[in-house]
Protein backbone atom coordinates (compact mmCIF):
# COMPACT_ATOMS: atom_id res chain seq x y z
CA UNK A 1 -6.94 17.76 -3.16
CA UNK A 2 -8.27 14.55 -1.69
CA UNK A 3 -5.54 12.35 -0.20
CA UNK A 4 -5.00 9.04 -1.96
CA UNK A 5 -5.57 6.82 1.04
CA UNK A 6 -9.08 6.30 2.33
CA UNK A 7 -10.20 6.33 5.95
CA UNK A 8 -12.91 3.76 6.48
CA UNK A 9 -14.96 2.63 9.41
CA UNK A 10 -15.05 -1.07 10.16
CA UNK A 11 -16.83 -2.89 7.35
CA UNK A 12 -18.69 -6.13 7.92
CA UNK A 13 -17.40 -9.00 5.85
CA UNK A 14 -18.75 -12.51 6.45
CA UNK A 15 -17.02 -15.37 4.65
CA UNK A 16 -18.18 -18.62 3.12
CA UNK A 17 -17.04 -21.34 5.52
CA UNK A 18 -16.15 -23.81 2.80
CA UNK A 19 -14.00 -21.26 1.00
CA UNK A 20 -12.09 -20.36 4.15
CA UNK A 21 -11.49 -24.00 5.04
CA UNK A 22 -10.20 -24.67 1.53
CA UNK A 23 -7.93 -21.65 1.60
CA UNK A 24 -6.57 -21.92 5.15
CA UNK A 25 -7.06 -25.61 6.03
CA UNK A 26 -4.37 -27.04 8.25
CA UNK A 27 -3.44 -23.73 9.90
CA UNK A 28 -2.05 -24.07 13.40
CA UNK A 29 -1.57 -20.55 14.66
CA UNK A 30 0.87 -19.54 17.35
CA UNK A 31 -0.72 -18.00 20.40
CA UNK A 32 -4.21 -16.70 21.02
CA UNK A 33 -3.38 -13.70 23.19
CA UNK A 34 -3.77 -10.25 21.64
CA UNK A 35 -0.51 -8.52 20.81
CA UNK A 36 0.12 -6.33 23.86
CA UNK A 37 0.36 -2.58 23.86
CA UNK A 38 -1.02 -1.77 20.40
CA UNK A 39 -4.18 0.10 21.32
CA UNK A 40 -2.44 3.44 21.76
CA UNK A 41 0.20 3.27 19.01
CA UNK A 42 0.79 6.67 17.41
CA UNK A 43 3.53 5.87 14.90
CA UNK A 44 3.38 2.35 13.52
CA UNK A 45 6.69 0.50 13.26
CA UNK A 46 6.35 -2.57 11.04
CA UNK A 47 8.57 -5.01 12.93
CA UNK A 48 7.38 -3.92 16.36
CA UNK A 49 3.67 -3.66 15.70
CA UNK A 50 2.57 -5.42 12.50
CA UNK A 51 5.04 -8.27 12.25
CA UNK A 52 4.41 -9.09 15.89
CA UNK A 53 0.72 -9.64 15.08
CA UNK A 54 1.65 -12.05 12.30
CA UNK A 55 4.25 -13.81 14.47
CA UNK A 56 1.77 -14.28 17.30
CA UNK A 57 -1.13 -15.30 15.09
CA UNK A 58 -0.12 -16.60 11.70
CA UNK A 59 3.42 -17.72 10.98
CA UNK A 60 3.12 -21.34 12.06
CA UNK A 61 0.82 -21.75 9.05
CA UNK A 62 2.04 -18.92 6.83
CA UNK A 63 5.76 -19.22 7.53
CA UNK A 64 8.74 -20.37 5.51
CA UNK A 65 7.91 -24.09 5.57
CA UNK A 66 5.18 -24.87 3.01
CA UNK A 67 3.12 -21.70 3.57
CA UNK A 68 -0.58 -22.25 3.08
CA UNK A 69 -1.78 -20.93 -0.31
CA UNK A 70 1.77 -19.72 -0.90
CA UNK A 71 1.24 -16.79 1.47
CA UNK A 72 4.15 -16.10 3.80
CA UNK A 73 3.63 -13.72 6.70
CA UNK A 74 7.06 -14.06 8.30
CA UNK A 75 8.35 -10.85 6.74
CA UNK A 76 7.24 -7.67 4.99
CA UNK A 77 8.74 -8.66 1.63
CA UNK A 78 6.89 -11.98 1.61
CA UNK A 79 3.60 -10.33 2.58
CA UNK A 80 3.92 -7.85 -0.27
CA UNK A 81 4.60 -10.62 -2.77
CA UNK A 82 1.19 -12.08 -1.94
CA UNK A 83 -0.03 -15.64 -2.33
CA UNK A 84 -0.28 -18.13 -5.16
CA UNK A 85 -3.54 -16.38 -6.08
CA UNK A 86 -2.43 -12.76 -6.10
CA UNK A 87 -1.92 -9.83 -3.75
CA UNK A 88 -2.74 -10.12 -0.04
CA UNK A 89 -2.97 -6.38 0.62
CA UNK A 90 -3.36 -3.24 -1.48
CA UNK A 91 -1.42 -0.34 0.06
CA UNK A 92 -3.49 2.75 0.97
CA UNK A 93 -6.72 0.76 0.64
CA UNK A 94 -7.59 -1.63 3.45
CA UNK A 95 -11.16 -1.88 2.18
CA UNK A 96 -9.83 -3.57 -0.98
CA UNK A 97 -7.29 -5.80 0.80
CA UNK A 98 -8.13 -9.49 0.92
CA UNK A 99 -6.17 -10.09 4.10
CA UNK A 100 -8.34 -7.52 5.89
CA UNK A 101 -11.50 -9.16 4.63
CA UNK A 102 -10.30 -12.53 5.88
CA UNK A 103 -9.23 -11.31 9.33
CA UNK A 104 -12.11 -8.98 10.17
CA UNK A 105 -13.11 -9.96 13.72
CA UNK A 106 -16.73 -8.87 13.22
CA UNK A 107 -18.73 -11.74 11.78
CA UNK A 108 -19.95 -15.23 12.47
CA UNK A 109 -17.28 -17.16 10.54
CA UNK A 110 -13.90 -15.47 10.25
CA UNK A 111 -10.32 -16.56 9.96
CA UNK A 112 -8.66 -17.75 12.17
CA UNK A 113 -11.81 -18.73 14.08
CA UNK A 114 -12.58 -21.29 11.36
CA UNK A 115 -9.54 -23.33 12.45
CA UNK A 116 -10.37 -23.18 16.14
CA UNK A 117 -8.41 -20.09 17.14
CA UNK A 118 -9.53 -16.76 18.52
CA UNK A 119 -10.12 -13.89 16.14
CA UNK A 120 -7.85 -10.89 16.09
CA UNK A 121 -8.65 -8.37 18.77
CA UNK A 122 -10.26 -5.13 17.70
CA UNK A 123 -6.99 -3.32 18.49
CA UNK A 124 -4.97 -5.74 16.37
CA UNK A 125 -7.39 -5.54 13.46
CA UNK A 126 -7.68 -1.75 13.70
CA UNK A 127 -3.91 -1.34 13.69
CA UNK A 128 -3.53 -3.63 10.70
CA UNK A 129 -6.14 -1.64 8.75
CA UNK A 130 -4.54 1.65 9.72
CA UNK A 131 -1.12 0.42 8.67
CA UNK A 132 -2.45 -0.52 5.22
CA UNK A 133 -4.34 2.78 4.81
CA UNK A 134 -1.17 4.68 5.68
CA UNK A 135 0.68 2.91 2.88
CA UNK A 136 1.77 -0.48 4.31
CA UNK A 137 5.15 1.06 5.12
CA UNK A 138 7.89 -1.49 5.58
CA UNK A 139 10.92 -1.71 7.86
CA UNK A 140 12.92 0.70 5.67
CA UNK A 141 10.22 3.38 5.77
CA UNK A 142 8.73 3.14 2.28
CA UNK A 143 5.48 1.91 0.74
CA UNK A 144 5.65 -1.13 -1.53
CA UNK A 145 5.92 -0.51 -5.26
CA UNK A 146 6.33 3.24 -4.70
CA UNK A 147 8.96 3.41 -7.46
CA UNK A 148 7.38 0.92 -9.88
CA UNK A 149 7.47 2.21 -13.44
CA UNK A 150 5.76 -0.42 -15.56
CA UNK A 151 2.15 -0.02 -14.53
CA UNK A 152 -1.12 -1.07 -16.12
CA UNK A 153 -4.27 0.96 -15.32
CA UNK A 154 -7.56 -0.92 -15.47
CA UNK A 155 -10.93 0.83 -15.84
CA UNK A 156 -13.97 -0.87 -14.31
CA UNK A 157 -17.40 -0.48 -15.90
CA UNK A 158 -19.26 -1.80 -12.83
CA UNK A 159 -17.89 0.53 -10.14
CA UNK A 160 -16.14 3.93 -9.90
CA UNK A 161 -12.71 2.37 -9.46
CA UNK A 162 -9.40 2.05 -11.30
CA UNK A 163 -7.08 -0.85 -10.47
CA UNK A 164 -3.33 -0.45 -10.94
CA UNK A 165 -1.12 -3.47 -11.70
CA UNK A 166 2.64 -3.75 -11.56
CA UNK A 167 3.34 -5.57 -14.82
CA UNK A 168 6.67 -6.88 -13.55
CA UNK A 169 5.27 -8.33 -10.29
CA UNK A 170 1.91 -9.24 -11.90
CA UNK A 171 -0.21 -8.17 -8.94
CA UNK A 172 -2.61 -5.35 -8.09
CA UNK A 173 -0.69 -2.67 -6.18
CA UNK A 174 -3.17 0.23 -5.89
CA UNK A 175 -6.88 1.02 -6.23
CA UNK A 176 -8.11 4.53 -7.10
CA UNK A 177 -11.68 5.34 -6.02
CA UNK A 178 -13.15 8.10 -8.18
CA UNK A 179 -15.57 9.14 -5.45
CA UNK A 180 -12.52 10.37 -3.49
CA UNK A 181 -11.99 12.96 -6.24
CA UNK A 182 -15.46 14.45 -6.42
CA UNK A 183 -17.16 12.02 -8.80
CA UNK A 184 -20.48 10.35 -8.08
CA UNK A 185 -21.03 6.69 -7.31
CA UNK A 186 -22.38 6.40 -10.88
CA UNK A 187 -19.10 7.57 -12.43
CA UNK A 188 -17.18 5.09 -14.57
CA UNK A 189 -13.67 5.27 -15.97
CA UNK A 190 -13.66 4.59 -19.70
CA UNK A 191 -10.06 4.72 -20.90
CA UNK A 192 -6.57 5.55 -19.59
CA UNK A 193 -3.49 7.02 -21.25
CA UNK A 194 -0.05 7.21 -19.62
CA UNK A 195 2.94 9.47 -20.29
CA UNK A 196 5.93 7.54 -21.71
CA UNK A 197 7.97 8.08 -18.54
CA UNK A 198 5.07 6.95 -16.34
CA UNK A 199 5.00 10.22 -14.39
CA UNK A 200 1.45 11.28 -15.40
CA UNK A 201 -1.69 9.39 -16.35
CA UNK A 202 -5.04 10.52 -17.69
CA UNK A 203 -8.47 8.93 -17.43
CA UNK A 204 -11.75 9.67 -19.19
CA UNK A 205 -14.67 9.54 -16.76
CA UNK A 206 -18.34 9.42 -17.73
CA UNK A 207 -21.70 8.91 -16.08
CA UNK A 208 -25.23 7.93 -17.18
CA UNK A 209 -26.59 10.89 -15.20
CA UNK A 210 -26.24 14.15 -17.20
CA UNK A 211 -25.87 16.26 -14.07
CA UNK A 212 -22.84 14.28 -12.84
CA UNK A 213 -19.31 15.49 -13.44
CA UNK A 214 -17.68 14.06 -16.57
CA UNK A 215 -14.39 14.71 -18.29
CA UNK A 216 -10.70 13.91 -18.46
CA UNK A 217 -8.72 13.83 -15.21
CA UNK A 218 -4.96 14.19 -14.86
CA UNK A 219 -3.09 12.31 -12.10
CA UNK A 220 0.56 12.04 -11.16
CA UNK A 221 2.42 8.81 -10.48
CA UNK A 222 1.39 9.02 -6.80
CA UNK A 223 -2.28 9.15 -7.89
CA UNK A 224 -2.76 12.75 -6.80
CA UNK A 225 -5.21 14.72 -8.93
CA UNK A 226 -3.46 17.50 -10.88
CA UNK A 227 -6.24 18.80 -13.12
CA UNK A 228 -9.50 18.12 -14.88
CA UNK A 229 -11.15 19.07 -18.15
CA UNK A 230 -14.92 18.79 -18.13
CA UNK A 231 -16.56 17.47 -21.28
CA UNK A 232 -19.59 15.25 -21.86
CA UNK A 233 -19.21 11.59 -22.83
CA UNK A 234 -15.40 11.36 -23.07
CA UNK A 235 -14.20 8.18 -24.75
CA UNK A 236 -10.80 6.94 -25.89
CA UNK A 237 -7.56 8.85 -25.25
CA UNK A 238 -4.49 9.14 -27.47
CA UNK A 239 -1.24 10.87 -26.54
CA UNK A 240 0.65 12.79 -29.20
CA UNK A 241 4.12 11.17 -29.40
CA UNK A 242 6.10 14.44 -29.45
CA UNK A 243 3.82 17.34 -28.54
CA UNK A 244 2.05 18.49 -25.37
CA UNK A 245 -1.32 17.27 -26.63
CA UNK A 246 -3.87 14.58 -25.74
CA UNK A 247 -6.77 13.68 -28.05
CA UNK A 248 -10.19 12.58 -26.78
CA UNK A 249 -12.96 10.79 -28.65
CA UNK A 250 -16.51 10.08 -27.45
CA UNK A 251 -17.92 7.14 -25.51
CA UNK A 252 -19.15 4.47 -27.92
CA UNK A 253 -22.48 4.27 -26.06
CA UNK A 254 -23.40 7.82 -27.05
CA UNK A 255 -23.55 9.89 -30.19
CA UNK A 256 -22.98 13.41 -28.91
CA UNK A 257 -21.31 15.83 -29.06
CA UNK A 258 -20.13 15.63 -32.66
CA UNK A 259 -16.51 16.46 -32.08
CA UNK A 260 -13.08 15.32 -31.00
CA UNK A 261 -11.08 17.20 -28.37
CA UNK A 262 -7.49 18.38 -28.58
CA UNK A 263 -6.38 18.80 -24.98
CA UNK A 264 -3.13 20.48 -23.94
CA UNK A 265 -1.67 18.16 -21.35
CA UNK A 266 0.30 20.74 -19.36
CA UNK A 267 -2.66 22.95 -18.42
CA UNK A 268 -5.70 20.93 -19.61
CA UNK A 269 -6.90 23.66 -21.99
CA UNK A 270 -8.92 22.31 -24.90
CA UNK A 271 -9.89 22.85 -28.53
CA UNK A 272 -12.91 21.19 -30.14
CA UNK A 273 -12.45 19.52 -33.56
CA UNK A 274 -15.86 19.24 -35.32
CA UNK A 275 -16.55 15.93 -37.10
CA UNK A 276 -20.10 16.41 -38.54
CA UNK A 277 -20.98 12.80 -37.67
CA UNK A 278 -21.82 11.27 -34.31
CA UNK A 279 -20.21 8.54 -32.22
CA UNK A 280 -16.52 9.24 -32.83
CA UNK A 281 -15.00 6.42 -30.78
CA UNK A 282 -12.07 4.74 -32.53
CA UNK A 283 -8.95 6.87 -32.16
CA UNK A 284 -5.34 6.49 -33.30
CA UNK A 285 -2.34 8.70 -34.14
CA UNK A 286 0.36 7.80 -36.65
CA UNK A 287 3.69 7.15 -34.84
CA UNK A 288 5.15 10.24 -36.50
CA UNK A 289 2.51 12.42 -34.86
CA UNK A 290 1.35 13.91 -38.15
CA UNK A 291 -2.19 12.53 -38.63
CA UNK A 292 -5.08 11.49 -36.37
CA UNK A 293 -7.75 8.95 -37.34
CA UNK A 294 -11.19 8.44 -35.83
CA UNK A 295 -14.40 6.77 -36.93
CA UNK A 296 -18.07 6.67 -36.14
CA UNK A 297 -19.88 3.79 -34.50
CA UNK A 298 -23.11 5.10 -36.05
CA UNK A 299 -22.10 5.62 -39.68
CA UNK A 300 -19.22 4.04 -41.59
CA UNK A 301 -17.14 7.13 -42.09
CA UNK A 302 -13.60 7.91 -41.03
CA UNK A 303 -12.34 11.35 -40.04
CA UNK A 304 -8.70 12.17 -40.83
CA UNK A 305 -7.07 15.17 -39.14
CA UNK A 306 -3.84 16.78 -40.30
CA UNK A 307 -2.40 17.68 -36.89
CA UNK A 308 -0.11 20.36 -38.24
CA UNK A 309 -3.03 22.44 -39.58
CA UNK A 310 -6.11 20.72 -38.05
CA UNK A 311 -7.46 20.29 -41.58
CA UNK A 312 -10.18 17.65 -41.50
CA UNK A 313 -11.15 15.27 -44.29
CA UNK A 314 -13.53 12.32 -44.43
CA UNK A 315 -13.32 8.84 -45.90
CA UNK A 316 -16.37 6.69 -46.64
CA UNK A 317 -15.87 3.09 -45.52
CA UNK A 318 -17.32 0.48 -47.88
CA UNK A 319 -19.04 -2.86 -47.38
CA UNK A 320 -21.48 -3.89 -44.69
CA UNK A 321 -21.95 -1.67 -41.66
CA UNK A 322 -18.88 -2.02 -39.44
CA UNK A 323 -19.27 0.31 -36.44
CA UNK A 324 -15.57 0.62 -35.69
CA UNK A 325 -14.61 0.41 -32.02
CA UNK A 326 -10.88 1.01 -32.23
CA UNK A 327 -7.88 1.37 -34.55
CA UNK A 328 -4.28 0.22 -34.22
CA UNK A 329 -1.53 1.62 -36.44
CA UNK A 330 1.65 -0.23 -37.36
CA UNK A 331 5.04 1.10 -36.15
CA UNK A 332 5.83 2.00 -39.78
CA UNK A 333 2.73 4.21 -39.86
CA UNK A 334 1.45 2.88 -43.18
CA UNK A 335 -1.09 0.23 -42.10
CA UNK A 336 -4.05 0.40 -39.74
CA UNK A 337 -6.41 -2.31 -38.52
CA UNK A 338 -9.89 -1.51 -37.21
CA UNK A 339 -12.42 -3.55 -35.24
CA UNK A 340 -15.90 -3.76 -36.78
CA UNK A 341 -18.17 -4.37 -33.79
CA UNK A 342 -21.27 -4.81 -35.97
CA UNK A 343 -19.69 -6.62 -38.91
CA UNK A 344 -17.71 -9.03 -36.68
CA UNK A 345 -14.64 -8.29 -38.78
CA UNK A 346 -11.28 -6.62 -38.57
CA UNK A 347 -10.45 -4.41 -41.55
CA UNK A 348 -7.08 -3.34 -42.89
CA UNK A 349 -6.49 0.17 -44.24
CA UNK A 350 -3.50 1.47 -46.17
CA UNK A 351 -2.76 4.88 -44.62
CA UNK A 352 0.64 5.51 -46.21
CA UNK A 353 -1.06 8.51 -47.85
CA UNK A 354 -3.29 9.73 -44.99
CA UNK A 355 -5.51 11.87 -47.21
CA UNK A 356 -5.73 9.02 -49.68
CA UNK A 357 -6.75 6.09 -47.46
CA UNK A 358 -7.24 2.76 -49.23
CA UNK A 359 -9.52 0.14 -47.71
CA UNK A 360 -8.06 -3.36 -47.97
CA UNK A 361 -9.47 -6.72 -46.87
CA UNK A 362 -11.72 -7.58 -43.97
CA UNK A 363 -11.29 -10.77 -41.92
CA UNK A 364 -14.26 -12.36 -40.18
CA UNK A 365 -13.34 -13.00 -36.54
CA UNK A 366 -16.85 -13.17 -35.02
CA UNK A 367 -18.00 -12.04 -31.60
CA UNK A 368 -18.01 -8.23 -32.01
CA UNK A 369 -14.25 -7.41 -31.86
CA UNK A 370 -13.43 -4.41 -29.69
CA UNK A 371 -9.80 -3.52 -28.91
CA UNK A 372 -6.52 -4.39 -30.61
CA UNK A 373 -2.79 -3.72 -30.57
CA UNK A 374 0.31 -4.32 -32.65
CA UNK A 375 3.39 -5.97 -31.20
CA UNK A 376 6.36 -3.55 -31.15
CA UNK A 377 8.07 -5.56 -33.90
CA UNK A 378 4.88 -5.33 -36.03
CA UNK A 379 4.73 -9.11 -36.50
CA UNK A 380 1.33 -9.67 -34.87
CA UNK A 381 -1.89 -7.90 -33.97
CA UNK A 382 -3.90 -9.03 -30.93
CA UNK A 383 -7.69 -8.49 -31.00
CA UNK A 384 -10.20 -8.90 -28.15
CA UNK A 385 -13.47 -10.63 -29.05
CA UNK A 386 -15.90 -10.01 -26.13
CA UNK A 387 -18.86 -12.01 -27.41
CA UNK A 388 -16.82 -15.08 -28.34
CA UNK A 389 -14.55 -15.22 -25.25
CA UNK A 390 -11.33 -15.32 -27.21
CA UNK A 391 -8.32 -13.33 -28.34
CA UNK A 392 -7.59 -13.41 -32.06
CA UNK A 393 -3.97 -13.27 -33.19
CA UNK A 394 -3.40 -11.78 -36.64
CA UNK A 395 -0.26 -12.50 -38.63
CA UNK A 396 0.57 -8.92 -39.63
CA UNK A 397 2.94 -10.01 -42.39
CA UNK A 398 0.48 -12.31 -44.17
CA UNK A 399 -2.67 -10.44 -43.06
CA UNK A 400 -4.40 -13.62 -41.91
CA UNK A 401 -5.83 -14.98 -38.68
CA UNK A 402 -2.98 -17.00 -37.20
CA UNK A 403 -4.77 -18.46 -34.16
CA UNK A 404 -7.36 -18.00 -31.45
CA UNK A 405 -6.40 -17.89 -27.77
CA UNK A 406 -8.93 -19.29 -25.32
CA UNK A 407 -8.70 -19.87 -21.57
CA UNK A 408 -11.03 -20.26 -18.58
CA UNK A 409 -10.20 -16.68 -17.52
CA UNK A 410 -10.77 -15.16 -20.97
CA UNK A 411 -14.42 -14.27 -20.42
CA UNK A 412 -15.71 -11.15 -22.16
CA UNK A 413 -12.25 -9.79 -23.10
CA UNK A 414 -12.19 -6.01 -23.45
CA UNK A 415 -8.93 -4.03 -23.40
CA UNK A 416 -5.51 -5.11 -24.60
CA UNK A 417 -2.02 -3.72 -23.97
CA UNK A 418 1.51 -4.90 -24.70
CA UNK A 419 4.70 -4.72 -22.65
CA UNK A 420 7.40 -2.40 -24.03
CA UNK A 421 9.60 -5.35 -25.03
CA UNK A 422 6.66 -7.12 -26.67
CA UNK A 423 7.12 -10.22 -24.53
CA UNK A 424 3.74 -10.11 -22.80
CA UNK A 425 0.20 -9.12 -23.75
CA UNK A 426 -2.26 -8.00 -21.06
CA UNK A 427 -5.98 -8.48 -21.69
CA UNK A 428 -8.83 -7.38 -19.38
CA UNK A 429 -11.92 -9.57 -19.02
CA UNK A 430 -15.30 -8.59 -17.59
CA UNK A 431 -16.31 -12.17 -16.65
CA UNK A 432 -19.93 -11.10 -16.24
CA UNK A 433 -21.06 -14.69 -16.78
CA UNK A 434 -19.04 -15.74 -13.75
CA UNK A 435 -17.59 -18.73 -15.62
CA UNK A 436 -14.15 -17.99 -14.23
CA UNK A 437 -14.37 -18.69 -10.46
CA UNK A 438 -12.56 -16.46 -7.98
CA UNK A 439 -10.02 -17.77 -5.49
CA UNK A 440 -12.80 -16.97 -3.03
CA UNK A 441 -15.89 -14.79 -3.25
CA UNK A 442 -16.91 -12.60 -0.33
CA UNK A 443 -20.59 -12.01 0.52
CA UNK A 444 -22.20 -9.46 -1.76
CA UNK A 445 -19.54 -9.90 -4.41
CA UNK A 446 -19.59 -11.68 -7.76
CA UNK A 447 -16.85 -13.53 -9.55
CA UNK A 448 -14.24 -10.96 -10.50
CA UNK A 449 -12.94 -9.60 -13.73
CA UNK A 450 -9.43 -10.63 -14.68
CA UNK A 451 -6.29 -9.57 -16.43
CA UNK A 452 -4.73 -12.47 -18.34
CA UNK A 453 -1.05 -12.32 -19.19
CA UNK A 454 -0.17 -13.89 -22.53
CA UNK A 455 3.34 -14.90 -23.58
CA UNK A 456 3.59 -13.52 -27.12
CA UNK A 457 6.20 -16.10 -28.18
CA UNK A 458 3.83 -19.01 -27.52
CA UNK A 459 0.46 -17.22 -27.37
CA UNK A 460 -0.38 -19.02 -24.13
CA UNK A 461 -1.80 -17.63 -20.90
CA UNK A 462 0.91 -17.60 -18.22
CA UNK A 463 -0.87 -15.70 -15.42
CA UNK A 464 -4.36 -14.72 -14.28
CA UNK A 465 -4.72 -11.60 -12.13
CA UNK A 466 -8.05 -10.98 -10.41
CA UNK A 467 -8.96 -7.28 -10.37
CA UNK A 468 -12.59 -6.96 -9.28
CA UNK A 469 -15.79 -6.91 -11.26
CA UNK A 470 -16.25 -5.26 -14.63
CA UNK A 471 -12.65 -5.02 -15.83
CA UNK A 472 -12.91 -2.97 -19.02
CA UNK A 473 -10.47 -0.91 -21.11
CA UNK A 474 -6.88 -0.53 -19.98
CA UNK A 475 -3.89 1.78 -20.50
CA UNK A 476 -0.13 1.66 -19.93
CA UNK A 477 3.04 3.63 -20.69
CA UNK A 478 3.95 1.41 -23.62
CA UNK A 479 5.48 3.30 -26.51
CA UNK A 480 5.44 1.46 -29.84
CA UNK A 481 8.68 2.14 -31.71
CA UNK A 482 8.51 4.05 -34.96
CA UNK A 483 9.87 2.43 -38.11
CA UNK A 484 10.82 4.65 -41.03
CA UNK A 485 9.07 4.07 -44.30
């Protein structure tokens, strides 16, 4: 088993001078002498070793009185809360921590040299990196967010990485690098599913290279790998609400193999469910756990699986070619919306009789809709529209488009998830156009993907979380309540 934290050699980061001046202008740092006695530290004590670095170097600018960029470094709790722009460090991953990138002493223009002070010594910088890689342990001996329950897992389609967000604190708290678990640099996470109690999460991992490892990986809450099922082109994941089963569709960019997978979560043993058609991507289970629905992106046909007997039936979808990307089923289990990526529509199905599906109306929303979710009270459905840079809100009582949500950070929206109380919607955005500018961009990087947080009562964006490039589909432990018919 590969340990979660990564050991890295010093990495060269050079910073844009203008960005650093804008971010840290006005800093007057206390002291230029290296913190004494840190070169041979065996066991790092936060107050003695790490806080002393900040006290000697940083707190006159990043202290209690009007801290620059909202970042306070006069205590562990303040450091963990981050700045006005997001997290300052990511525990167990110094290579992903912005504070490390800013303070790296190797480079021509580095903070705090840009404000006329000496850079951190190599010993200071090395100890800071080591402290982060060992978990950023605080004065009481624990890593930050170690007991967080409400987590959002973000797949990235531009790098073999998964970002983890605390949806109460609204910051990135961990980064999982798939290469640490035996996957190639070409590997990409596609979708994530999380156990209702948050103790286990699953991710489908694919690769464009056929010889690379692909499949579904099982992790615990501490991001330790527990198991893996190998299968080509894994796509969306759906947890059975009451049984020890996980269902797997196929990546929408491929057409083979022609099957779904029923995967036993406890031991990762699998059963193939033939579908006869290719490209089974969309995937949803009725809240009662009795029927599974999937559809092809290649042909407009729906597969319906009776989960008690694994009997399979098919339903021909009418109208123009839709190419369904995903389904979302109402808490009552009788209605299902689907996103037609080719028809630019969302389509409503009556599934009150699962083997007698009735196709209802389609609404034109434009922009190749991809992902969608019901609110827990079934009043609204939120739909991501990647090619139109918007989120569509459906009135699920009147079956009409209620409004469009736009924002500077909604650029190529992909995945969508809802908090368990329905108060907030989380939407991932690829931002490949770079229209949304980062708080600062490091050399070799592009403007990042984002997670926007939407208040469902007002349908306004209340927070933007930067998560790195290529933010794609997402998963959380949200359980939509079941309403009886």
